[in-house]
Amino acid sequence: MALPPGFLDELRARTPLSGLIGRKTRLTKSGRNWKGCCPFHGEKTPSFYVYDDHFHCFGCGAHGDAVSFVMRAEGAQFMEAVERLAGEAGLDVPKLAPQEAERARRTRDLHAVMEAAMEAFQRRL
């Protein structure tokens, strides 16, 4: 689904990243930013840094914004993550036109067919 770029920018601006990530891992203030142990791999020394607009782990290389954090931490698809964050931020997710909804459904179906074909071919190797 194609969302207006302005919507995603507004969603990111309304989502405090330190608060979102702070629900999953303990963060401590480090200057203007936050640091903590990475929620994506086990570590004892903090190598996970949270900035105003993104996060980065210097241990495993994980990085991204609020949407990608929810996707990775909670195993959500892109639209699920957007809907969760929009609900928390008090934003309404723009609805698709009927043609766009049909196109998105068809794309999902074709991806599923391609995935099944790939798995079948891999089993034959």
N, C-alpha and C. Protein backbone atom coordinates (compact mmCIF):
# COMPACT_ATOMS: atom_id res chain seq x y z
N MET A 1 0.85 -1.18 0.00
CA MET A 1 0.00 0.00 0.00
C MET A 1 0.89 1.23 0.00
N ALA A 2 0.54 2.17 -0.84
CA ALA A 2 1.30 3.41 -0.90
C ALA A 2 0.64 4.44 0.02
N LEU A 3 1.41 4.89 0.97
CA LEU A 3 0.93 5.93 1.88
C LEU A 3 1.52 7.26 1.45
N PRO A 4 0.80 8.35 1.67
CA PRO A 4 1.37 9.65 1.35
C PRO A 4 2.65 9.88 2.16
N PRO A 5 3.72 10.38 1.53
CA PRO A 5 4.98 10.60 2.26
C PRO A 5 4.79 11.52 3.47
N GLY A 6 3.94 12.48 3.36
CA GLY A 6 3.69 13.39 4.47
C GLY A 6 3.12 12.67 5.68
N PHE A 7 2.32 11.63 5.44
CA PHE A 7 1.74 10.88 6.55
C PHE A 7 2.83 10.17 7.34
N LEU A 8 3.73 9.50 6.65
CA LEU A 8 4.82 8.79 7.34
C LEU A 8 5.73 9.76 8.09
N ASP A 9 5.99 10.92 7.49
CA ASP A 9 6.80 11.93 8.17
C ASP A 9 6.12 12.40 9.46
N GLU A 10 4.81 12.64 9.38
CA GLU A 10 4.04 13.07 10.55
C GLU A 10 4.03 11.97 11.62
N LEU A 11 3.87 10.73 11.19
CA LEU A 11 3.86 9.60 12.13
C LEU A 11 5.19 9.50 12.86
N ARG A 12 6.28 9.61 12.13
CA ARG A 12 7.61 9.55 12.75
C ARG A 12 7.83 10.73 13.70
N ALA A 13 7.35 11.91 13.32
CA ALA A 13 7.53 13.09 14.16
C ALA A 13 6.73 12.98 15.47
N ARG A 14 5.58 12.30 15.42
CA ARG A 14 4.74 12.18 16.61
C ARG A 14 5.09 10.99 17.49
N THR A 15 6.03 10.17 17.05
CA THR A 15 6.39 8.98 17.82
C THR A 15 7.74 9.19 18.49
N PRO A 16 7.76 9.41 19.80
CA PRO A 16 9.05 9.56 20.49
C PRO A 16 9.76 8.20 20.53
N LEU A 17 10.86 8.13 19.82
CA LEU A 17 11.57 6.87 19.65
C LEU A 17 12.09 6.31 20.97
N SER A 18 12.58 7.18 21.84
CA SER A 18 13.11 6.70 23.12
C SER A 18 12.00 6.07 23.96
N GLY A 19 10.80 6.62 23.91
CA GLY A 19 9.68 6.04 24.65
C GLY A 19 9.24 4.71 24.07
N LEU A 20 9.21 4.63 22.76
CA LEU A 20 8.82 3.39 22.08
C LEU A 20 9.81 2.27 22.37
N ILE A 21 11.08 2.55 22.19
CA ILE A 21 12.11 1.53 22.40
C ILE A 21 12.30 1.24 23.88
N GLY A 22 12.07 2.25 24.71
CA GLY A 22 12.19 2.07 26.16
C GLY A 22 11.22 1.06 26.73
N ARG A 23 10.17 0.72 25.99
CA ARG A 23 9.24 -0.32 26.44
C ARG A 23 9.85 -1.71 26.31
N LYS A 24 10.82 -1.86 25.40
CA LYS A 24 11.41 -3.17 25.13
C LYS A 24 12.76 -3.38 25.83
N THR A 25 13.48 -2.31 26.06
CA THR A 25 14.80 -2.41 26.68
C THR A 25 15.05 -1.19 27.56
N ARG A 26 15.85 -1.36 28.58
CA ARG A 26 16.14 -0.24 29.49
C ARG A 26 17.14 0.70 28.82
N LEU A 27 16.79 1.96 28.74
CA LEU A 27 17.65 2.97 28.13
C LEU A 27 18.13 3.95 29.19
N THR A 28 19.37 4.42 29.02
CA THR A 28 19.90 5.46 29.90
C THR A 28 20.33 6.64 29.04
N LYS A 29 20.19 7.82 29.59
CA LYS A 29 20.55 9.04 28.88
C LYS A 29 22.06 9.08 28.67
N SER A 30 22.47 9.43 27.47
CA SER A 30 23.89 9.55 27.13
C SER A 30 24.05 10.82 26.31
N GLY A 31 24.28 11.94 26.97
CA GLY A 31 24.31 13.23 26.27
C GLY A 31 22.91 13.59 25.82
N ARG A 32 22.77 13.90 24.53
CA ARG A 32 21.45 14.22 23.97
C ARG A 32 20.68 12.97 23.58
N ASN A 33 21.35 11.82 23.56
CA ASN A 33 20.75 10.59 23.07
C ASN A 33 20.56 9.59 24.19
N TRP A 34 20.17 8.38 23.82
CA TRP A 34 19.93 7.30 24.77
C TRP A 34 20.76 6.10 24.35
N LYS A 35 21.12 5.25 25.31
CA LYS A 35 21.82 4.02 24.97
C LYS A 35 21.32 2.90 25.87
N GLY A 36 21.51 1.68 25.39
CA GLY A 36 21.09 0.52 26.15
C GLY A 36 21.55 -0.74 25.46
N CYS A 37 21.21 -1.88 26.05
CA CYS A 37 21.53 -3.16 25.43
C CYS A 37 20.53 -3.42 24.30
N CYS A 38 21.04 -3.95 23.22
CA CYS A 38 20.22 -4.17 22.02
C CYS A 38 19.13 -5.21 22.29
N PRO A 39 17.88 -4.91 21.91
CA PRO A 39 16.80 -5.87 22.09
C PRO A 39 16.81 -6.99 21.04
N PHE A 40 17.70 -6.88 20.05
CA PHE A 40 17.72 -7.85 18.96
C PHE A 40 18.80 -8.92 19.09
N HIS A 41 19.74 -8.73 19.98
CA HIS A 41 20.75 -9.77 20.24
C HIS A 41 21.21 -9.65 21.69
N GLY A 42 21.68 -10.73 22.24
CA GLY A 42 22.11 -10.72 23.63
C GLY A 42 23.45 -10.03 23.79
N GLU A 43 23.53 -9.10 24.69
CA GLU A 43 24.79 -8.41 24.98
C GLU A 43 24.77 -7.91 26.41
N LYS A 44 25.95 -7.71 26.96
CA LYS A 44 26.07 -7.21 28.33
C LYS A 44 26.49 -5.75 28.37
N THR A 45 27.22 -5.32 27.35
CA THR A 45 27.68 -3.94 27.28
C THR A 45 26.81 -3.19 26.27
N PRO A 46 26.21 -2.07 26.64
CA PRO A 46 25.32 -1.35 25.72
C PRO A 46 26.03 -0.89 24.44
N SER A 47 25.46 -1.30 23.31
CA SER A 47 25.97 -0.83 22.01
C SER A 47 24.83 -0.33 21.14
N PHE A 48 23.66 -0.17 21.74
CA PHE A 48 22.44 0.22 21.04
C PHE A 48 22.15 1.68 21.38
N TYR A 49 22.15 2.54 20.36
CA TYR A 49 21.96 3.98 20.57
C TYR A 49 20.65 4.43 19.93
N VAL A 50 19.93 5.26 20.65
CA VAL A 50 18.65 5.80 20.18
C VAL A 50 18.80 7.31 20.05
N TYR A 51 18.59 7.80 18.83
CA TYR A 51 18.66 9.22 18.54
C TYR A 51 17.22 9.73 18.39
N ASP A 52 17.04 11.00 18.11
CA ASP A 52 15.69 11.56 17.97
C ASP A 52 14.89 10.90 16.85
N ASP A 53 15.56 10.59 15.74
CA ASP A 53 14.84 10.10 14.57
C ASP A 53 15.18 8.69 14.14
N HIS A 54 16.16 8.05 14.77
CA HIS A 54 16.51 6.68 14.39
C HIS A 54 17.27 5.98 15.51
N PHE A 55 17.46 4.68 15.33
CA PHE A 55 18.26 3.90 16.28
C PHE A 55 19.35 3.17 15.51
N HIS A 56 20.41 2.79 16.22
CA HIS A 56 21.49 2.02 15.59
C HIS A 56 22.19 1.17 16.64
N CYS A 57 22.41 -0.09 16.30
CA CYS A 57 23.17 -0.99 17.17
C CYS A 57 24.54 -1.20 16.53
N PHE A 58 25.57 -0.86 17.26
CA PHE A 58 26.92 -1.03 16.74
C PHE A 58 27.40 -2.47 16.92
N GLY A 59 26.61 -3.30 17.61
CA GLY A 59 26.98 -4.70 17.80
C GLY A 59 26.50 -5.58 16.65
N CYS A 60 25.21 -5.48 16.32
CA CYS A 60 24.65 -6.34 15.27
C CYS A 60 24.31 -5.58 13.99
N GLY A 61 24.39 -4.25 14.03
CA GLY A 61 24.12 -3.46 12.82
C GLY A 61 22.66 -3.11 12.62
N ALA A 62 21.79 -3.49 13.54
CA ALA A 62 20.37 -3.14 13.40
C ALA A 62 20.22 -1.62 13.43
N HIS A 63 19.37 -1.11 12.55
CA HIS A 63 19.13 0.33 12.52
C HIS A 63 17.78 0.60 11.87
N GLY A 64 17.25 1.78 12.09
CA GLY A 64 15.99 2.14 11.47
C GLY A 64 15.26 3.21 12.24
N ASP A 65 13.95 3.33 11.92
CA ASP A 65 13.10 4.33 12.56
C ASP A 65 12.03 3.62 13.39
N ALA A 66 11.02 4.35 13.80
CA ALA A 66 9.97 3.78 14.66
C ALA A 66 9.24 2.63 13.97
N VAL A 67 8.92 2.81 12.69
CA VAL A 67 8.18 1.77 11.97
C VAL A 67 9.02 0.50 11.86
N SER A 68 10.27 0.64 11.47
CA SER A 68 11.11 -0.55 11.33
C SER A 68 11.39 -1.21 12.68
N PHE A 69 11.42 -0.42 13.76
CA PHE A 69 11.61 -1.01 15.08
C PHE A 69 10.43 -1.90 15.44
N VAL A 70 9.21 -1.41 15.25
CA VAL A 70 8.02 -2.21 15.56
C VAL A 70 7.98 -3.45 14.67
N MET A 71 8.34 -3.30 13.41
CA MET A 71 8.35 -4.46 12.52
C MET A 71 9.32 -5.52 13.03
N ARG A 72 10.50 -5.10 13.40
CA ARG A 72 11.52 -6.06 13.82
C ARG A 72 11.28 -6.60 15.23
N ALA A 73 10.92 -5.74 16.16
CA ALA A 73 10.76 -6.16 17.55
C ALA A 73 9.49 -6.98 17.78
N GLU A 74 8.44 -6.69 17.02
CA GLU A 74 7.16 -7.36 17.24
C GLU A 74 6.77 -8.29 16.10
N GLY A 75 7.62 -8.40 15.09
CA GLY A 75 7.33 -9.28 13.96
C GLY A 75 6.13 -8.83 13.15
N ALA A 76 5.89 -7.54 13.11
CA ALA A 76 4.73 -7.00 12.40
C ALA A 76 5.07 -6.71 10.94
N GLN A 77 4.07 -6.77 10.09
CA GLN A 77 4.22 -6.33 8.71
C GLN A 77 4.21 -4.80 8.70
N PHE A 78 4.60 -4.21 7.57
CA PHE A 78 4.70 -2.75 7.48
C PHE A 78 3.40 -2.06 7.88
N MET A 79 2.29 -2.47 7.28
CA MET A 79 1.02 -1.79 7.56
C MET A 79 0.56 -2.01 9.00
N GLU A 80 0.82 -3.20 9.55
CA GLU A 80 0.48 -3.44 10.96
C GLU A 80 1.24 -2.45 11.85
N ALA A 81 2.53 -2.30 11.58
CA ALA A 81 3.36 -1.39 12.38
C ALA A 81 2.86 0.04 12.25
N VAL A 82 2.54 0.46 11.03
CA VAL A 82 2.03 1.82 10.80
C VAL A 82 0.72 2.02 11.55
N GLU A 83 -0.18 1.04 11.48
CA GLU A 83 -1.48 1.17 12.15
C GLU A 83 -1.32 1.24 13.67
N ARG A 84 -0.43 0.42 14.24
CA ARG A 84 -0.19 0.46 15.69
C ARG A 84 0.34 1.82 16.12
N LEU A 85 1.36 2.29 15.39
CA LEU A 85 1.96 3.58 15.75
C LEU A 85 0.98 4.73 15.54
N ALA A 86 0.20 4.67 14.45
CA ALA A 86 -0.78 5.72 14.18
C ALA A 86 -1.83 5.75 15.29
N GLY A 87 -2.27 4.59 15.75
CA GLY A 87 -3.23 4.54 16.84
C GLY A 87 -2.69 5.18 18.11
N GLU A 88 -1.42 4.90 18.42
CA GLU A 88 -0.80 5.49 19.60
C GLU A 88 -0.60 6.99 19.45
N ALA A 89 -0.35 7.43 18.21
CA ALA A 89 -0.09 8.85 17.95
C ALA A 89 -1.36 9.64 17.71
N GLY A 90 -2.51 8.97 17.64
CA GLY A 90 -3.77 9.66 17.41
C GLY A 90 -3.97 10.08 15.97
N LEU A 91 -3.38 9.34 15.04
CA LEU A 91 -3.53 9.64 13.61
C LEU A 91 -4.41 8.59 12.95
N ASP A 92 -5.16 9.00 11.94
CA ASP A 92 -5.93 8.06 11.14
C ASP A 92 -5.11 7.68 9.92
N VAL A 93 -5.02 6.38 9.66
CA VAL A 93 -4.28 5.90 8.49
C VAL A 93 -5.14 6.16 7.26
N PRO A 94 -4.58 6.82 6.24
CA PRO A 94 -5.35 7.07 5.01
C PRO A 94 -5.82 5.76 4.39
N LYS A 95 -7.06 5.74 3.93
CA LYS A 95 -7.65 4.54 3.32
C LYS A 95 -7.30 4.48 1.84
N LEU A 96 -7.22 3.25 1.33
CA LEU A 96 -6.94 3.03 -0.08
C LEU A 96 -8.20 3.21 -0.92
N ALA A 97 -8.00 3.67 -2.15
CA ALA A 97 -9.09 3.67 -3.11
C ALA A 97 -9.36 2.20 -3.48
N PRO A 98 -10.58 1.86 -3.92
CA PRO A 98 -10.88 0.45 -4.24
C PRO A 98 -9.90 -0.17 -5.25
N GLN A 99 -9.47 0.61 -6.25
CA GLN A 99 -8.53 0.07 -7.24
C GLN A 99 -7.19 -0.24 -6.59
N GLU A 100 -6.75 0.63 -5.70
CA GLU A 100 -5.47 0.42 -5.02
C GLU A 100 -5.55 -0.77 -4.08
N ALA A 101 -6.69 -0.95 -3.42
CA ALA A 101 -6.87 -2.09 -2.52
C ALA A 101 -6.81 -3.40 -3.30
N GLU A 102 -7.45 -3.43 -4.45
CA GLU A 102 -7.42 -4.62 -5.30
C GLU A 102 -6.00 -4.90 -5.80
N ARG A 103 -5.31 -3.86 -6.18
CA ARG A 103 -3.92 -4.01 -6.65
C ARG A 103 -3.03 -4.55 -5.52
N ALA A 104 -3.21 -4.04 -4.31
CA ALA A 104 -2.41 -4.51 -3.17
C ALA A 104 -2.73 -5.97 -2.87
N ARG A 105 -4.01 -6.35 -2.94
CA ARG A 105 -4.39 -7.75 -2.71
C ARG A 105 -3.77 -8.66 -3.76
N ARG A 106 -3.81 -8.22 -5.01
CA ARG A 106 -3.24 -9.02 -6.11
C ARG A 106 -1.73 -9.17 -5.93
N THR A 107 -1.07 -8.10 -5.53
CA THR A 107 0.38 -8.15 -5.30
C THR A 107 0.71 -9.13 -4.18
N ARG A 108 -0.06 -9.10 -3.10
CA ARG A 108 0.16 -10.06 -1.99
C ARG A 108 -0.01 -11.49 -2.48
N ASP A 109 -1.07 -11.73 -3.29
CA ASP A 109 -1.32 -13.07 -3.80
C ASP A 109 -0.17 -13.53 -4.70
N LEU A 110 0.31 -12.65 -5.56
CA LEU A 110 1.42 -13.01 -6.45
C LEU A 110 2.70 -13.28 -5.67
N HIS A 111 2.93 -12.52 -4.62
CA HIS A 111 4.11 -12.77 -3.78
C HIS A 111 4.00 -14.15 -3.12
N ALA A 112 2.80 -14.51 -2.68
CA ALA A 112 2.60 -15.82 -2.05
C ALA A 112 2.86 -16.94 -3.06
N VAL A 113 2.41 -16.77 -4.29
CA VAL A 113 2.64 -17.77 -5.33
C VAL A 113 4.14 -17.89 -5.62
N MET A 114 4.82 -16.77 -5.72
CA MET A 114 6.26 -16.80 -5.99
C MET A 114 7.02 -17.45 -4.83
N GLU A 115 6.60 -17.19 -3.62
CA GLU A 115 7.23 -17.80 -2.44
C GLU A 115 7.05 -19.32 -2.48
N ALA A 116 5.84 -19.78 -2.81
CA ALA A 116 5.58 -21.22 -2.89
C ALA A 116 6.41 -21.86 -4.00
N ALA A 117 6.52 -21.19 -5.14
CA ALA A 117 7.33 -21.72 -6.24
C ALA A 117 8.80 -21.80 -5.84
N MET A 118 9.30 -20.78 -5.17
CA MET A 118 10.69 -20.78 -4.73
C MET A 118 10.95 -21.96 -3.78
N GLU A 119 10.04 -22.17 -2.83
CA GLU A 119 10.22 -23.27 -1.88
C GLU A 119 10.19 -24.62 -2.59
N ALA A 120 9.30 -24.76 -3.59
CA ALA A 120 9.23 -26.02 -4.34
C ALA A 120 10.53 -26.27 -5.09
N PHE A 121 11.07 -25.25 -5.71
CA PHE A 121 12.33 -25.41 -6.45
C PHE A 121 13.50 -25.69 -5.49
N GLN A 122 13.50 -25.06 -4.34
CA GLN A 122 14.57 -25.29 -3.37
C GLN A 122 14.54 -26.72 -2.84
N ARG A 123 13.35 -27.29 -2.67
CA ARG A 123 13.25 -28.67 -2.21
C ARG A 123 13.83 -29.64 -3.23
N ARG A 124 13.78 -29.28 -4.50
CA ARG A 124 14.28 -30.17 -5.56
C ARG A 124 15.79 -30.09 -5.74
N LEU A 125 16.44 -29.12 -5.11
CA LEU A 125 17.90 -29.00 -5.25
C LEU A 125 18.62 -30.12 -4.55
